[in-house]
């Protein structure tokens, strides 16, 4: 017999009941530490993951009053809405049963589903927290608890008239890309937030939490950050940004991940890094560049104004045409430090006169890392030349590559007898626009092809704006490659070239097979 059983043996039924109820109440109070602890304690199906803990901690800080505006960006289907739009409102009501919570989304159906889930939690678990439905409060859209608090579930743009709000949840305010790119839709959303939603917030306690896919620079989150700023910059909004692949361009990673490390997922064990990498890699290759960066990286890109279009980049992908390399090379655009992306691109000049891009191993790298990556790529592709953008640290580049090549040979990763490729300069034009436009024109003339899908490289070409003060490393490196393999391309620039959408007819022989059919349809053949 256990010690507890022996102690209970000497108690009557009333005392036993009292002891058990006290233990239950103590456990219930313990579950109120944060929303995910509550979810884990009440729902055995809830799967805790590190990124959900980060989100939950931020929600606790909102409740504590550390800040009153919070934006959360994650890829889809990783549990953020379950935590933020369902468990968090229930947890808030357990703490503040007299408060009113508004749950909003792009459509009534989604908002009502969230509100129904919260109501289910109240009905099933509310007794433990003195939280009970008010008799007669049967409306799905608007219901109350006996202590005076309650939930209203509506789509953005709908009325909150007559409903005081202490906590406003904005869950996916944009239905899809088309909705986010509609200026009229964005204007209506911003007007609703300013004229309706904010005006219902109460002075005693109020908070706004937004979770969304970053579809557009001027979407709900973009406008809030533009107008009120980030907390770390002296603004009002705390931002929890959890991209599918950690990227230092977004600042310190909330999970402490190294660049490129995958985000955890509720349906994949956290320790199974290989499966996590495979999941997000598949998501990346099955998405067009803009969707990947919006949906999974929380990095919206503009639709117009870039030098080349996504359609053009799709058309110059070619994995079937037979071509003999005449000159194989690797190009480097060095980064100034470990945070910037160092462009390292591989390719060759074919016997058809085209530049073929075959590899992209660009990443945020130090000089030792990018020189090692370039050396390994040159060895693997049998490159005879490494082109370096000579405007950036000529002597440093040569020394870094020589040092890495010798180390790789000492370590046995490159055989001792393999000669290091020649390191040749490419003196690209200083202006970013003058540098990129001729290569964009080569794409239009069908003098550049991609030997596969290069998501990040294509994304940079399809989204970089000529007005941007700096261009990404992949664009610069691909320009260096083109200028090295076709030197005449660097002799002049096409100023204010129109946005290319398809290769021009008659420039070079069109692709074969299915690519040829698409090419012919695009140029009207």
Protein backbone atom coordinates (compact mmCIF):
# COMPACT_ATOMS: atom_id res chain seq x y z
CA UNK A 1 0.00 0.00 0.00
CA UNK A 2 1.37 3.39 -0.97
CA UNK A 3 1.91 6.24 1.50
CA UNK A 4 -0.91 8.23 -0.12
CA UNK A 5 -3.25 5.26 0.10
CA UNK A 6 -2.43 4.74 3.79
CA UNK A 7 -3.10 8.41 4.49
CA UNK A 8 -6.39 8.34 2.62
CA UNK A 9 -7.44 5.19 4.51
CA UNK A 10 -7.78 7.27 7.66
CA UNK A 11 -9.95 9.92 6.04
CA UNK A 12 -13.68 9.81 5.55
CA UNK A 13 -15.27 10.26 2.10
CA UNK A 14 -15.74 14.00 2.52
CA UNK A 15 -12.14 14.54 3.44
CA UNK A 16 -10.95 12.36 0.57
CA UNK A 17 -13.10 14.32 -1.84
CA UNK A 18 -11.74 17.58 -0.46
CA UNK A 19 -8.14 16.39 -0.84
CA UNK A 20 -8.73 15.27 -4.42
CA UNK A 21 -10.47 18.51 -5.35
CA UNK A 22 -7.62 20.53 -3.86
CA UNK A 23 -5.13 18.52 -5.91
CA UNK A 24 -7.23 19.04 -9.05
CA UNK A 25 -7.47 22.79 -8.42
CA UNK A 26 -3.73 22.97 -7.86
CA UNK A 27 -3.14 21.14 -11.13
CA UNK A 28 -5.61 23.37 -12.94
CA UNK A 29 -3.85 26.49 -11.67
CA UNK A 30 -0.53 25.04 -12.78
CA UNK A 31 -1.89 24.63 -16.30
CA UNK A 32 -2.52 28.38 -16.47
CA UNK A 33 1.19 29.16 -16.69
CA UNK A 34 0.85 29.77 -20.43
CA UNK A 35 -1.47 28.85 -23.32
CA UNK A 36 0.53 25.85 -24.55
CA UNK A 37 0.82 24.36 -21.06
CA UNK A 38 -2.97 24.62 -20.82
CA UNK A 39 -3.36 23.02 -24.24
CA UNK A 40 -1.03 20.14 -23.36
CA UNK A 41 -2.81 19.52 -20.08
CA UNK A 42 -6.33 19.51 -21.51
CA UNK A 43 -5.87 18.05 -24.99
CA UNK A 44 -3.79 14.86 -25.35
CA UNK A 45 -3.69 15.43 -29.12
CA UNK A 46 -1.83 18.72 -28.79
CA UNK A 47 1.80 18.38 -29.86
CA UNK A 48 4.23 20.78 -28.28
CA UNK A 49 7.10 22.07 -30.42
CA UNK A 50 9.84 24.66 -29.76
CA UNK A 51 8.33 27.27 -32.09
CA UNK A 52 4.98 27.01 -30.30
CA UNK A 53 6.76 27.61 -26.99
CA UNK A 54 8.26 30.82 -28.45
CA UNK A 55 4.80 31.95 -29.54
CA UNK A 56 3.28 31.03 -26.19
CA UNK A 57 5.95 32.97 -24.29
CA UNK A 58 5.20 36.04 -26.39
CA UNK A 59 1.50 35.70 -25.59
CA UNK A 60 2.33 35.56 -21.89
CA UNK A 61 4.31 38.78 -22.27
CA UNK A 62 1.27 40.41 -23.91
CA UNK A 63 -0.92 39.32 -21.01
CA UNK A 64 1.66 40.55 -18.52
CA UNK A 65 1.61 43.97 -20.13
CA UNK A 66 5.18 43.96 -21.48
CA UNK A 67 3.70 45.14 -24.79
CA UNK A 68 0.20 45.35 -26.23
CA UNK A 69 0.77 44.73 -29.94
CA UNK A 70 2.09 41.43 -31.30
CA UNK A 71 2.58 40.11 -34.84
CA UNK A 72 3.44 36.47 -35.53
CA UNK A 73 4.72 35.20 -38.89
CA UNK A 74 5.15 31.47 -39.56
CA UNK A 75 4.58 29.11 -42.49
CA UNK A 76 1.10 27.59 -42.81
CA UNK A 77 -0.01 24.50 -40.90
CA UNK A 78 2.48 24.70 -38.03
CA UNK A 79 -0.06 25.24 -35.25
CA UNK A 80 0.07 29.02 -34.82
CA UNK A 81 -3.69 29.56 -35.27
CA UNK A 82 -4.52 26.71 -32.90
CA UNK A 83 -2.41 28.34 -30.19
CA UNK A 84 -3.15 32.01 -30.88
CA UNK A 85 -6.76 32.01 -32.09
CA UNK A 86 -8.16 29.15 -29.98
CA UNK A 87 -6.19 28.27 -26.85
CA UNK A 88 -4.97 31.80 -26.14
CA UNK A 89 -8.49 33.35 -26.00
CA UNK A 90 -9.67 30.53 -23.70
CA UNK A 91 -6.59 31.00 -21.50
CA UNK A 92 -7.22 34.77 -21.46
CA UNK A 93 -10.83 34.24 -20.33
CA UNK A 94 -9.65 31.90 -17.57
CA UNK A 95 -7.46 34.71 -16.28
CA UNK A 96 -9.83 37.58 -17.05
CA UNK A 97 -13.39 36.20 -17.13
CA UNK A 98 -14.91 39.68 -17.39
CA UNK A 99 -13.02 40.53 -20.60
CA UNK A 100 -14.36 40.52 -24.15
CA UNK A 101 -12.41 38.82 -26.93
CA UNK A 102 -12.90 39.49 -30.64
CA UNK A 103 -11.68 36.81 -33.04
CA UNK A 104 -11.52 38.06 -36.63
CA UNK A 105 -10.43 36.52 -39.92
CA UNK A 106 -10.86 37.03 -43.66
CA UNK A 107 -14.16 35.14 -43.67
CA UNK A 108 -17.06 34.51 -41.30
CA UNK A 109 -16.72 30.72 -41.58
CA UNK A 110 -13.14 30.66 -40.31
CA UNK A 111 -13.86 33.17 -37.55
CA UNK A 112 -16.96 31.24 -36.44
CA UNK A 113 -14.98 28.01 -36.39
CA UNK A 114 -12.44 29.58 -34.07
CA UNK A 115 -15.17 30.99 -31.85
CA UNK A 116 -16.90 27.60 -31.73
CA UNK A 117 -13.70 25.89 -30.66
CA UNK A 118 -13.18 28.39 -27.82
CA UNK A 119 -16.78 27.87 -26.72
CA UNK A 120 -16.19 24.11 -26.70
CA UNK A 121 -13.24 24.60 -24.36
CA UNK A 122 -15.42 26.66 -22.02
CA UNK A 123 -18.17 24.04 -22.00
CA UNK A 124 -15.77 21.12 -21.48
CA UNK A 125 -13.13 22.60 -19.18
CA UNK A 126 -14.53 25.88 -17.90
CA UNK A 127 -15.81 24.59 -14.57
CA UNK A 128 -12.23 24.16 -13.36
CA UNK A 129 -11.72 27.90 -13.80
CA UNK A 130 -15.14 29.18 -12.71
CA UNK A 131 -15.90 29.84 -16.36
CA UNK A 132 -19.43 28.94 -17.44
CA UNK A 133 -21.64 29.81 -20.36
CA UNK A 134 -24.30 32.39 -19.65
CA UNK A 135 -27.78 30.81 -19.91
CA UNK A 136 -29.41 31.68 -23.22
CA UNK A 137 -26.11 32.65 -24.83
CA UNK A 138 -26.52 30.34 -27.78
CA UNK A 139 -25.42 32.41 -30.78
CA UNK A 140 -22.35 31.03 -32.53
CA UNK A 141 -21.14 34.48 -33.49
CA UNK A 142 -21.54 36.17 -30.13
CA UNK A 143 -21.64 34.44 -26.72
CA UNK A 144 -21.01 35.35 -23.10
CA UNK A 145 -19.90 33.69 -19.88
CA UNK A 146 -21.52 34.25 -16.49
CA UNK A 147 -18.74 36.57 -15.26
CA UNK A 148 -19.49 39.05 -18.07
CA UNK A 149 -16.78 38.21 -20.57
CA UNK A 150 -17.31 36.57 -23.92
CA UNK A 151 -16.28 36.12 -27.54
CA UNK A 152 -17.44 37.66 -30.80
CA UNK A 153 -16.34 35.99 -34.05
CA UNK A 154 -16.58 38.03 -37.24
CA UNK A 155 -14.78 38.53 -40.52
CA UNK A 156 -12.59 41.59 -40.89
CA UNK A 157 -14.65 44.45 -42.19
CA UNK A 158 -17.73 43.37 -40.24
CA UNK A 159 -19.18 45.23 -37.31
CA UNK A 160 -18.04 45.14 -33.72
CA UNK A 161 -20.64 47.71 -32.77
CA UNK A 162 -21.85 47.34 -29.19
CA UNK A 163 -19.05 44.93 -28.30
CA UNK A 164 -16.27 46.17 -26.06
CA UNK A 165 -12.93 44.55 -26.86
CA UNK A 166 -10.08 43.78 -24.49
CA UNK A 167 -8.32 41.29 -26.75
CA UNK A 168 -8.42 41.51 -30.55
CA UNK A 169 -7.20 38.50 -32.53
CA UNK A 170 -6.59 39.10 -36.25
CA UNK A 171 -6.11 35.65 -37.80
CA UNK A 172 -5.22 35.60 -41.52
CA UNK A 173 -6.89 38.88 -42.54
CA UNK A 174 -6.13 38.26 -46.24
CA UNK A 175 -7.84 35.34 -47.96
CA UNK A 176 -5.10 34.76 -50.54
CA UNK A 177 -2.59 36.54 -52.75
CA UNK A 178 -5.26 38.01 -55.03
CA UNK A 179 -7.03 39.54 -52.04
CA UNK A 180 -3.79 40.94 -50.60
CA UNK A 181 -2.72 42.39 -53.95
CA UNK A 182 -6.04 44.15 -54.43
CA UNK A 183 -5.50 47.76 -53.45
CA UNK A 184 -9.22 48.16 -52.77
CA UNK A 185 -9.24 45.13 -50.43
CA UNK A 186 -6.19 46.34 -48.56
CA UNK A 187 -7.65 49.82 -48.19
CA UNK A 188 -10.90 48.39 -46.82
CA UNK A 189 -8.99 46.27 -44.31
CA UNK A 190 -6.84 49.15 -43.13
CA UNK A 191 -9.91 51.40 -42.82
CA UNK A 192 -11.78 48.75 -40.81
CA UNK A 193 -8.86 48.30 -38.43
CA UNK A 194 -8.47 52.03 -37.90
CA UNK A 195 -12.10 53.13 -37.81
CA UNK A 196 -13.82 50.11 -36.27
CA UNK A 197 -11.56 47.58 -34.55
CA UNK A 198 -9.28 49.97 -32.67
CA UNK A 199 -12.21 52.07 -31.52
CA UNK A 200 -13.69 49.11 -29.60
CA UNK A 201 -10.56 48.56 -27.46
CA UNK A 202 -10.97 49.29 -23.75
CA UNK A 203 -8.65 51.46 -21.62
CA UNK A 204 -8.44 49.10 -18.63
CA UNK A 205 -6.83 46.28 -20.60
CA UNK A 206 -6.37 45.87 -24.34
CA UNK A 207 -4.12 43.97 -26.72
CA UNK A 208 -3.98 43.19 -30.44
CA UNK A 209 -2.41 39.98 -31.75
CA UNK A 210 -2.07 39.39 -35.49
CA UNK A 211 -1.09 36.15 -37.24
CA UNK A 212 -0.88 35.98 -41.00
CA UNK A 213 0.85 35.02 -44.21
CA UNK A 214 2.91 37.95 -45.48
CA UNK A 215 1.42 38.27 -48.95
CA UNK A 216 2.24 41.89 -49.73
CA UNK A 217 4.52 44.68 -48.43
CA UNK A 218 1.41 46.75 -47.65
CA UNK A 219 -0.66 43.94 -46.14
CA UNK A 220 -2.12 44.14 -42.63
CA UNK A 221 1.22 43.53 -40.91
CA UNK A 222 3.18 45.63 -43.37
CA UNK A 223 1.00 48.68 -42.79
CA UNK A 224 1.08 48.28 -39.02
CA UNK A 225 4.88 48.12 -39.01
CA UNK A 226 5.14 51.01 -41.44
CA UNK A 227 2.90 53.22 -39.33
CA UNK A 228 3.86 52.19 -35.79
CA UNK A 229 7.22 50.46 -36.08
CA UNK A 230 8.86 47.52 -34.36
CA UNK A 231 9.37 47.36 -30.62
CA UNK A 232 13.16 47.00 -30.93
CA UNK A 233 13.28 50.14 -33.08
CA UNK A 234 11.32 52.21 -30.59
CA UNK A 235 7.96 51.35 -32.15
CA UNK A 236 4.95 49.56 -30.75
CA UNK A 237 4.81 46.11 -32.35
CA UNK A 238 6.60 43.04 -31.07
CA UNK A 239 7.32 40.70 -34.00
CA UNK A 240 7.87 36.95 -33.71
CA UNK A 241 9.22 35.88 -37.10
CA UNK A 242 9.71 32.13 -37.56
CA UNK A 243 10.57 31.37 -41.20
CA UNK A 244 10.70 27.82 -42.56
CA UNK A 245 14.44 28.24 -43.07
CA UNK A 246 16.30 30.45 -40.61
CA UNK A 247 17.68 33.51 -42.38
CA UNK A 248 19.89 36.16 -40.75
CA UNK A 249 18.32 38.88 -42.92
CA UNK A 250 15.40 38.79 -40.46
CA UNK A 251 17.64 39.37 -37.45
CA UNK A 252 18.38 36.96 -34.59
CA UNK A 253 16.38 33.77 -34.94
CA UNK A 254 13.88 33.30 -32.06
CA UNK A 255 14.84 29.63 -31.87
CA UNK A 256 18.57 30.27 -32.09
CA UNK A 257 18.80 28.38 -35.38
CA UNK A 258 21.79 28.64 -37.69
CA UNK A 259 21.11 30.03 -41.18
CA UNK A 260 19.19 27.51 -43.28
CA UNK A 261 18.09 25.36 -40.34
CA UNK A 262 14.47 24.12 -40.66
CA UNK A 263 11.51 25.13 -38.53
CA UNK A 264 9.95 22.50 -36.31
CA UNK A 265 6.56 21.06 -37.22
CA UNK A 266 3.76 19.61 -35.04
CA UNK A 267 3.60 16.42 -37.11
CA UNK A 268 7.35 15.79 -37.34
CA UNK A 269 9.45 14.88 -34.29
CA UNK A 270 11.75 17.76 -33.36
CA UNK A 271 14.84 15.55 -33.37
CA UNK A 272 14.16 14.26 -36.87
CA UNK A 273 16.14 16.99 -38.64
CA UNK A 274 16.36 15.00 -41.86
CA UNK A 275 12.59 14.75 -42.17
CA UNK A 276 12.15 18.43 -41.28
CA UNK A 277 14.67 19.43 -43.94
CA UNK A 278 12.99 17.17 -46.49
CA UNK A 279 9.55 18.58 -45.69
CA UNK A 280 10.54 22.20 -46.16
CA UNK A 281 12.73 21.37 -49.16
CA UNK A 282 9.72 19.78 -50.84
CA UNK A 283 7.60 22.80 -49.94
CA UNK A 284 10.24 25.02 -51.54
CA UNK A 285 10.61 23.15 -54.83
CA UNK A 286 6.85 22.83 -55.27
CA UNK A 287 6.26 26.57 -54.77
CA UNK A 288 6.94 29.43 -57.12
CA UNK A 289 9.57 31.77 -55.64
CA UNK A 290 7.12 34.48 -54.57
CA UNK A 291 4.86 31.98 -52.81
CA UNK A 292 7.75 30.33 -51.00
CA UNK A 293 9.03 33.61 -49.66
CA UNK A 294 5.57 34.88 -48.74
CA UNK A 295 4.06 31.70 -47.31
CA UNK A 296 7.08 30.08 -45.74
CA UNK A 297 9.63 32.81 -45.14
CA UNK A 298 7.30 35.68 -44.18
CA UNK A 299 9.09 37.85 -46.73
CA UNK A 300 6.58 39.40 -49.17
CA UNK A 301 7.83 40.48 -52.56
CA UNK A 302 6.33 43.07 -54.90
CA UNK A 303 4.55 41.87 -58.01
CA UNK A 304 5.81 44.47 -60.47
CA UNK A 305 8.85 46.58 -61.13
CA UNK A 306 11.49 43.85 -61.23
CA UNK A 307 13.91 43.48 -64.11
CA UNK A 308 12.56 40.09 -65.20
CA UNK A 309 9.29 38.27 -64.69
CA UNK A 310 8.61 34.91 -63.10
CA UNK A 311 7.15 33.80 -66.43
CA UNK A 312 10.41 34.51 -68.23
CA UNK A 313 12.40 32.66 -65.58
CA UNK A 314 10.06 29.69 -65.88
CA UNK A 315 10.49 29.63 -69.64
CA UNK A 316 14.29 29.65 -69.54
CA UNK A 317 14.42 26.60 -67.27
CA UNK A 318 15.65 23.75 -69.46
CA UNK A 319 16.78 20.33 -68.27
CA UNK A 320 16.43 18.44 -71.55
CA UNK A 321 18.31 20.24 -74.33
CA UNK A 322 21.59 18.51 -75.15
CA UNK A 323 24.49 20.93 -75.04
CA UNK A 324 28.26 20.54 -74.80
CA UNK A 325 30.07 22.78 -72.29
CA UNK A 326 32.83 24.84 -73.90
CA UNK A 327 33.96 26.69 -70.78
CA UNK A 328 32.97 25.72 -67.22
CA UNK A 329 33.23 28.32 -64.50
CA UNK A 330 32.26 29.31 -60.96
CA UNK A 331 31.49 32.92 -60.12
CA UNK A 332 31.73 34.64 -56.75
CA UNK A 333 30.23 37.80 -55.35
CA UNK A 334 31.90 37.98 -51.91
CA UNK A 335 29.93 39.07 -48.88
CA UNK A 336 31.16 41.75 -46.57
CA UNK A 337 30.68 39.49 -43.57
CA UNK A 338 28.90 36.41 -42.30
CA UNK A 339 25.43 37.97 -42.40
CA UNK A 340 25.22 39.02 -46.06
CA UNK A 341 24.64 36.39 -48.73
CA UNK A 342 27.79 35.53 -50.66
CA UNK A 343 26.84 34.65 -54.22
CA UNK A 344 28.45 31.44 -55.48
CA UNK A 345 27.07 30.31 -58.85
CA UNK A 346 28.24 27.58 -61.23
CA UNK A 347 27.66 27.29 -64.96
CA UNK A 348 29.15 26.97 -68.38
CA UNK A 349 29.20 28.45 -71.87
CA UNK A 350 27.58 25.91 -74.18
CA UNK A 351 28.31 25.09 -77.79
CA UNK A 352 25.00 26.81 -78.54
CA UNK A 353 26.42 30.15 -77.40
CA UNK A 354 24.29 30.31 -74.26
CA UNK A 355 25.26 30.73 -70.63
CA UNK A 356 23.87 27.77 -68.69
CA UNK A 357 23.44 28.16 -64.92
CA UNK A 358 23.91 24.77 -63.24
CA UNK A 359 24.49 25.39 -59.55
CA UNK A 360 23.69 27.87 -56.79
CA UNK A 361 25.38 27.33 -53.43
CA UNK A 362 25.00 30.92 -52.27
CA UNK A 363 24.41 31.50 -48.55
CA UNK A 364 25.31 33.86 -45.70
CA UNK A 365 29.01 33.01 -45.40
CA UNK A 366 32.29 34.32 -44.12
CA UNK A 367 35.24 34.61 -46.50
CA UNK A 368 36.54 31.21 -45.38
CA UNK A 369 33.14 29.65 -46.01
CA UNK A 370 32.40 31.14 -49.45
CA UNK A 371 35.91 30.40 -50.69
CA UNK A 372 35.53 26.79 -49.53
CA UNK A 373 32.08 26.50 -51.15
CA UNK A 374 33.42 27.92 -54.42
CA UNK A 375 36.44 25.60 -54.39
CA UNK A 376 34.29 22.51 -53.80
CA UNK A 377 31.85 23.56 -56.52
CA UNK A 378 34.70 24.17 -58.96
CA UNK A 379 36.15 20.73 -58.22
CA UNK A 380 32.78 18.99 -58.53
CA UNK A 381 31.88 20.66 -61.83
CA UNK A 382 35.42 20.48 -63.30
CA UNK A 383 35.49 24.27 -63.63
CA UNK A 384 38.60 25.71 -65.24
CA UNK A 385 37.93 29.26 -64.08
CA UNK A 386 36.73 31.00 -60.95
CA UNK A 387 35.43 34.46 -61.80
CA UNK A 388 35.57 37.00 -59.02
CA UNK A 389 33.93 40.38 -58.93
CA UNK A 390 37.08 42.48 -58.91
CA UNK A 391 35.42 45.56 -57.43
CA UNK A 392 35.52 43.87 -54.03
CA UNK A 393 38.88 43.08 -52.40
CA UNK A 394 40.91 41.60 -55.25
CA UNK A 395 43.85 40.39 -53.18
CA UNK A 396 41.63 39.15 -50.37
CA UNK A 397 39.58 37.04 -52.82
CA UNK A 398 42.66 35.40 -54.35
CA UNK A 399 44.17 34.65 -50.94
CA UNK A 400 40.89 33.24 -49.57
CA UNK A 401 40.42 30.88 -52.52
CA UNK A 402 44.06 29.72 -52.51
CA UNK A 403 43.93 29.09 -48.77
CA UNK A 404 40.69 27.11 -49.00
CA UNK A 405 41.87 25.05 -51.96
CA UNK A 406 45.09 24.07 -50.15
CA UNK A 407 43.18 23.20 -46.98
CA UNK A 408 40.70 21.04 -48.90
CA UNK A 409 43.60 19.17 -50.46
CA UNK A 410 45.23 18.66 -47.07
CA UNK A 411 41.92 17.37 -45.70
CA UNK A 412 41.53 14.97 -48.61
CA UNK A 413 38.37 16.55 -50.00
CA UNK A 414 40.19 17.53 -53.20
CA UNK A 415 42.92 15.19 -54.52
CA UNK A 416 46.45 16.64 -54.26
CA UNK A 417 47.08 16.42 -57.99
CA UNK A 418 44.09 18.54 -59.02
CA UNK A 419 45.16 22.02 -60.10
CA UNK A 420 43.31 25.00 -58.72
CA UNK A 421 41.25 26.79 -61.40
CA UNK A 422 42.46 30.08 -62.74
CA UNK A 423 41.11 33.07 -60.83
CA UNK A 424 40.07 35.72 -63.31
CA UNK A 425 38.68 39.19 -62.69
CA UNK A 426 35.35 40.52 -63.88
CA UNK A 427 35.22 44.28 -63.58
CA UNK A 428 31.48 44.75 -63.45
CA UNK A 429 29.95 48.19 -63.63
CA UNK A 430 29.65 49.93 -60.29
CA UNK A 431 25.96 50.71 -60.56
CA UNK A 432 23.74 47.80 -59.57
CA UNK A 433 21.18 48.62 -62.28
CA UNK A 434 23.85 49.04 -64.98
CA UNK A 435 25.27 45.69 -63.90
CA UNK A 436 22.00 43.73 -63.91
CA UNK A 437 20.14 45.11 -66.93
CA UNK A 438 22.44 43.66 -69.63
CA UNK A 439 22.10 40.19 -68.10
CA UNK A 440 18.31 40.60 -67.94
CA UNK A 441 18.47 41.45 -71.62
CA UNK A 442 20.50 38.28 -72.26
CA UNK A 443 17.63 36.34 -70.69
CA UNK A 444 15.15 38.06 -72.99
CA UNK A 445 17.38 37.18 -75.95
CA UNK A 446 17.41 33.54 -74.79
CA UNK A 447 21.16 33.64 -74.22
CA UNK A 448 20.86 32.48 -70.61
CA UNK A 449 19.20 29.27 -69.47
CA UNK A 450 18.79 27.60 -66.09
CA UNK A 451 19.60 23.89 -65.88
CA UNK A 452 16.85 23.36 -63.32
CA UNK A 453 14.81 25.23 -60.72
CA UNK A 454 16.81 27.68 -58.62
CA UNK A 455 14.21 29.03 -56.22
CA UNK A 456 16.29 31.62 -54.39
CA UNK A 457 18.12 32.86 -57.49
CA UNK A 458 14.86 33.18 -59.42
CA UNK A 459 13.21 34.91 -56.49
CA UNK A 460 15.93 37.52 -56.38
CA UNK A 461 15.77 38.18 -60.12
CA UNK A 462 11.96 38.34 -60.09
CA UNK A 463 11.68 40.65 -57.10
CA UNK A 464 14.74 42.92 -57.01
CA UNK A 465 13.76 46.47 -57.84
CA UNK A 466 16.01 48.77 -59.89
CA UNK A 467 15.43 51.41 -57.21
CA UNK A 468 16.89 49.19 -54.46
CA UNK A 469 20.22 50.58 -53.21
CA UNK A 470 21.85 47.15 -53.15
CA UNK A 471 21.30 43.93 -55.04
CA UNK A 472 21.36 40.41 -53.62
CA UNK A 473 24.48 38.27 -53.87
CA UNK A 474 22.92 35.71 -56.18
CA UNK A 475 22.04 38.35 -58.78
CA UNK A 476 25.52 39.86 -58.63
CA UNK A 477 27.18 36.46 -58.88
CA UNK A 478 25.06 35.40 -61.86
CA UNK A 479 25.97 38.70 -63.53
CA UNK A 480 29.66 37.97 -62.90
CA UNK A 481 29.22 34.53 -64.46
CA UNK A 482 27.52 35.94 -67.55
CA UNK A 483 30.11 38.70 -67.96
CA UNK A 484 32.93 36.22 -67.58
CA UNK A 485 31.54 33.78 -70.14
CA UNK A 486 30.20 36.44 -72.55
CA UNK A 487 32.51 39.45 -72.03
CA UNK A 488 30.76 41.61 -74.64
CA UNK A 489 27.66 41.66 -72.41
CA UNK A 490 29.58 43.91 -70.02
CA UNK A 491 30.37 46.55 -72.62
CA UNK A 492 27.05 48.33 -72.54
CA UNK A 493 23.86 48.54 -70.56
CA UNK A 494 20.25 48.82 -71.63
CA UNK A 495 18.98 51.79 -69.66
CA UNK A 496 15.38 51.59 -68.44
CA UNK A 497 14.74 48.29 -70.19
CA UNK A 498 11.08 47.17 -70.10
CA UNK A 499 10.10 44.26 -67.88
CA UNK A 500 10.97 41.11 -69.89
CA UNK A 501 8.25 38.50 -69.94
CA UNK A 502 9.50 36.01 -72.55
CA UNK A 503 12.56 35.26 -74.65
CA UNK A 504 12.57 37.27 -77.87
CA UNK A 505 12.04 35.28 -81.09
CA UNK A 506 14.96 34.75 -83.40
CA UNK A 507 17.69 35.30 -80.80
CA UNK A 508 18.84 31.73 -80.28
CA UNK A 509 17.36 28.36 -81.17
CA UNK A 510 14.29 27.78 -78.96
CA UNK A 511 14.21 24.90 -76.48
CA UNK A 512 13.15 21.44 -77.49
CA UNK A 513 10.32 19.24 -76.27
CA UNK A 514 7.70 20.61 -73.90
CA UNK A 515 9.74 23.77 -73.36
CA UNK A 516 9.59 24.44 -77.10
CA UNK A 517 5.79 24.23 -77.06
CA UNK A 518 5.55 26.68 -74.19
CA UNK A 519 8.10 28.93 -75.89
CA UNK A 520 6.14 28.89 -79.14
CA UNK A 521 2.85 29.67 -77.41
CA UNK A 522 4.43 32.51 -75.45
CA UNK A 523 5.90 34.31 -78.50
CA UNK A 524 2.90 33.59 -80.69
CA UNK A 525 4.26 30.83 -82.97
